[in-house]
C-alpha atoms as a PDB file:
ATOM      1  CA  MET A   1       0.000   0.000   0.000  1.00  0.00           C
ATOM      2  CA  SER A   2       1.394   3.400  -0.919  1.00  0.00           C
ATOM      3  CA  TYR A   3       0.531   6.771   0.494  1.00  0.00           C
ATOM      4  CA  SER A   4       0.537  10.051  -1.344  1.00  0.00           C
ATOM      5  CA  THR A   5       0.643  13.534   0.038  1.00  0.00           C
ATOM      6  CA  ILE A   6      -1.526  16.213  -1.460  1.00  0.00           C
ATOM      7  CA  THR A   7       0.514  19.299  -2.258  1.00  0.00           C
ATOM      8  CA  SER A   8      -0.528  22.653  -3.587  1.00  0.00           C
ATOM      9  CA  ASP A   9       0.058  23.752  -7.146  1.00  0.00           C
ATOM     10  CA  LYS A  10       1.613  26.922  -5.681  1.00  0.00           C
ATOM     11  CA  SER A  11       5.382  27.187  -5.260  1.00  0.00           C
ATOM     12  CA  LYS A  12       7.111  27.727  -1.927  1.00  0.00           C
ATOM     13  CA  LYS A  13       9.875  29.672  -3.689  1.00  0.00           C
ATOM     14  CA  THR A  14       7.417  32.110  -5.267  1.00  0.00           C
ATOM     15  CA  ALA A  15       5.511  32.527  -1.996  1.00  0.00           C
ATOM     16  CA  LEU A  16       8.763  33.280  -0.170  1.00  0.00           C
ATOM     17  CA  LYS A  17       9.737  35.926  -2.739  1.00  0.00           C
ATOM     18  CA  LEU A  18       6.298  37.543  -2.543  1.00  0.00           C
ATOM     19  CA  CYS A  19       6.396  37.451   1.242  1.00  0.00           C
ATOM     20  CA  GLY A  20       9.859  38.981   1.385  1.00  0.00           C
ATOM     21  CA  PHE A  21       9.218  41.837  -1.029  1.00  0.00           C
ATOM     22  CA  GLY A  22       5.483  42.464  -0.631  1.00  0.00           C
ATOM     23  CA  GLY A  23       4.481  40.590   2.481  1.00  0.00           C
ATOM     24  CA  PHE A  24       3.418  43.727   4.285  1.00  0.00           C
ATOM     25  CA  LEU A  25       0.790  44.082   1.524  1.00  0.00           C
ATOM     26  CA  GLY A  26      -0.295  40.436   1.818  1.00  0.00           C
ATOM     27  CA  LEU A  27       0.907  39.420  -1.641  1.00  0.00           C
ATOM     28  CA  HIS A  28       1.816  35.905  -0.481  1.00  0.00           C
ATOM     29  CA  TYR A  29      -1.713  35.381   0.858  1.00  0.00           C
ATOM     30  CA  PHE A  30      -3.290  36.553  -2.399  1.00  0.00           C
ATOM     31  CA  TYR A  31      -0.937  34.196  -4.283  1.00  0.00           C
ATOM     32  CA  VAL A  32      -2.096  31.097  -2.393  1.00  0.00           C
ATOM     33  CA  GLY A  33      -5.769  32.072  -2.573  1.00  0.00           C
ATOM     34  CA  ARG A  34      -6.275  33.254   0.998  1.00  0.00           C
ATOM     35  CA  VAL A  35      -7.885  36.537  -0.016  1.00  0.00           C
ATOM     36  CA  PHE A  36      -9.372  37.435   3.386  1.00  0.00           C
ATOM     37  CA  MET A  37      -5.967  37.268   5.106  1.00  0.00           C
ATOM     38  CA  GLY A  38      -4.481  39.174   2.171  1.00  0.00           C
ATOM     39  CA  LEU A  39      -6.965  41.976   2.738  1.00  0.00           C
ATOM     40  CA  ILE A  40      -6.208  42.037   6.458  1.00  0.00           C
ATOM     41  CA  TYR A  41      -2.482  42.335   5.725  1.00  0.00           C
ATOM     42  CA  LEU A  42      -3.160  44.995   3.095  1.00  0.00           C
ATOM     43  CA  CYS A  43      -5.208  47.121   5.521  1.00  0.00           C
ATOM     44  CA  THR A  44      -2.837  46.705   8.494  1.00  0.00           C
ATOM     45  CA  LEU A  45       0.478  46.683   6.603  1.00  0.00           C
ATOM     46  CA  GLY A  46       1.330  43.140   7.578  1.00  0.00           C
ATOM     47  CA  LEU A  47      -0.179  43.395  11.056  1.00  0.00           C
ATOM     48  CA  CYS A  48       2.152  46.321  11.769  1.00  0.00           C
ATOM     49  CA  GLY A  49       5.121  44.369  10.421  1.00  0.00           C
ATOM     50  CA  VAL A  50       5.061  41.677  13.096  1.00  0.00           C
ATOM     51  CA  GLY A  51       2.882  39.240  11.133  1.00  0.00           C
ATOM     52  CA  TRP A  52       4.982  39.839   8.043  1.00  0.00           C
ATOM     53  CA  LEU A  53       8.212  38.859   9.812  1.00  0.00           C
ATOM     54  CA  ILE A  54       6.591  35.763  11.301  1.00  0.00           C
ATOM     55  CA  ASP A  55       5.246  34.762   7.869  1.00  0.00           C
ATOM     56  CA  ILE A  56       8.716  34.961   6.335  1.00  0.00           C
ATOM     57  CA  LEU A  57       9.838  32.318   8.830  1.00  0.00           C
ATOM     58  CA  VAL A  58       6.712  30.198   8.367  1.00  0.00           C
ATOM     59  CA  VAL A  59       7.062  30.168   4.573  1.00  0.00           C
ATOM     60  CA  ALA A  60      10.815  29.511   4.731  1.00  0.00           C
ATOM     61  CA  LEU A  61      10.320  26.585   7.118  1.00  0.00           C
ATOM     62  CA  GLY A  62       7.657  25.049   4.870  1.00  0.00           C
ATOM     63  CA  ALA A  63       4.712  25.351   7.239  1.00  0.00           C
ATOM     64  CA  PHE A  64       2.748  27.835   5.087  1.00  0.00           C
ATOM     65  CA  ARG A  65      -0.442  26.402   3.537  1.00  0.00           C
ATOM     66  CA  ASP A  66      -2.686  27.397   0.652  1.00  0.00           C
ATOM     67  CA  ASN A  67      -6.438  28.052   0.749  1.00  0.00           C
ATOM     68  CA  VAL A  68      -7.284  24.325   0.976  1.00  0.00           C
ATOM     69  CA  LYS A  69      -4.667  23.737   3.700  1.00  0.00           C
ATOM     70  CA  ALA A  70      -2.297  21.879   1.364  1.00  0.00           C
ATOM     71  CA  PRO A  71       1.456  22.436   1.820  1.00  0.00           C
ATOM     72  CA  LEU A  72       3.206  24.372  -0.928  1.00  0.00           C
ATOM     73  CA  ARG A  73       5.327  22.429  -3.415  1.00  0.00           C
ATOM     74  CA  LYS A  74       9.080  22.822  -3.269  1.00  0.00           C
END
């Protein structure tokens, strides 16, 4: 019996770039389809910068998920 892991069609590398350069605007959330969180980041400038810095670590460590909770592909 073999097991398969469902992964997103979104790239971790692209999400990390978007988070690094436009994370305070929520670009990485819009990229993975999490529009509501993207709007929150857009209105609060990345939760005053704190959420943005945390998200850089979360994306880099591979724990960031898309809108259906699937891990991003490498």
